Each structure stands twice: as C-alpha cells, then as structure tokens.
C-alpha cells in the first residue's frame, strides 16, 4: 500500500462542494484522521464580471461538482471520504471496491497555482562547484560537486562517483546538504 500523500478528486452533488468540504473537515477531526487527510479544497478562481454596468469580482468554482482532497490513501481514509454526506465517489476509481487514482503532482500543482496556492519555494544556499553530501534517496551517503543549479525546478545536478565514473545526477535541493 502506498503511504505517500497525494491529491485525489472527489465527486460531489453539484452545489454541495463547500458543504462537503465542511463535512469532511469535521469528520477528519472527529474521527482523528488528521494524520491521513490533510487539506480539502474547492478549486475556485476570481473572475471580473460586468453586470448592469458595474464591475465586480466573483469567485467561480473551477470544477463544479468536484472537491480536491490531499490524503494518504488507506482503507480508513478512503472510507471516511467516501462516506461523507454529499460525496458521490472518487474520480479515477476503476470499479467497485478499487482504490482511486491520485492526480499526478504536475496536475495538482497546476490546479493549486490557478487557485493562488504556490508550492512553497525552497530557498537555496548552494553555489556551483560546492561539494555536497546526498542525504536522501538512492545515492544517500555519496559526495559530489554541484555542476548545475536548476532553480525553476528546484533541483541541482551533482557529479557523483558511480562505479568509478563521474556521473551527473539530478537531485532535489532537499536531498543534499553542503559539506563543511
């Protein structure tokens, strides 16, 4: 079973999105599921409307009838969400009793950006040619030199010695630490 948190799309009765969000948040609290179900969002965006010659900003639902839930998919968390009043099911379920498919990280990021939620930017404290130690992932414990900083992707390229060869490896900022 996958213990990663991810975003799932939940189908609701149209017009009940905010009620489902409130119900689900109450259920998460009352059933002690805070460690499995993290955020519940109704994707919205601001739109300027021209009505009777007056401009006004309105909040529109981007996906009417849908709510996003950030959760770790377990039997318990699946049950809690599925049985929340107003929820008609998960999007991406392939049949009765099968667990739904999570959104791809890029899909979730796009929706969150549309709503004004930016992924937290990691401040980098690295320079080219810095020596770093990998502290997470398959190359944990290896030392290498930074040969490229990919700020837009929050990644760096590090030359690591793999089987006696200098090999460039792309890593997240969070996977390395500077050597003293």
Foldseek 3Di string as FASTA:
>chain_A
DDQDWFKWKFFFDFPCLVVLQVQLVVLCVVVVVCVFWPHKAQQWAWDWDQDPNDTDIDIDGPDGRIMMITGGDDPVVLVSSCPRPGTPGTPQAPDPPGDHDGDDPVVVQVSCVRRVNHDDQDDADDDFQFKKAFCDDPRHGWIFGFHAQDRVVQWTWTFTQDVNDGDTDIDHSVRIDTDD
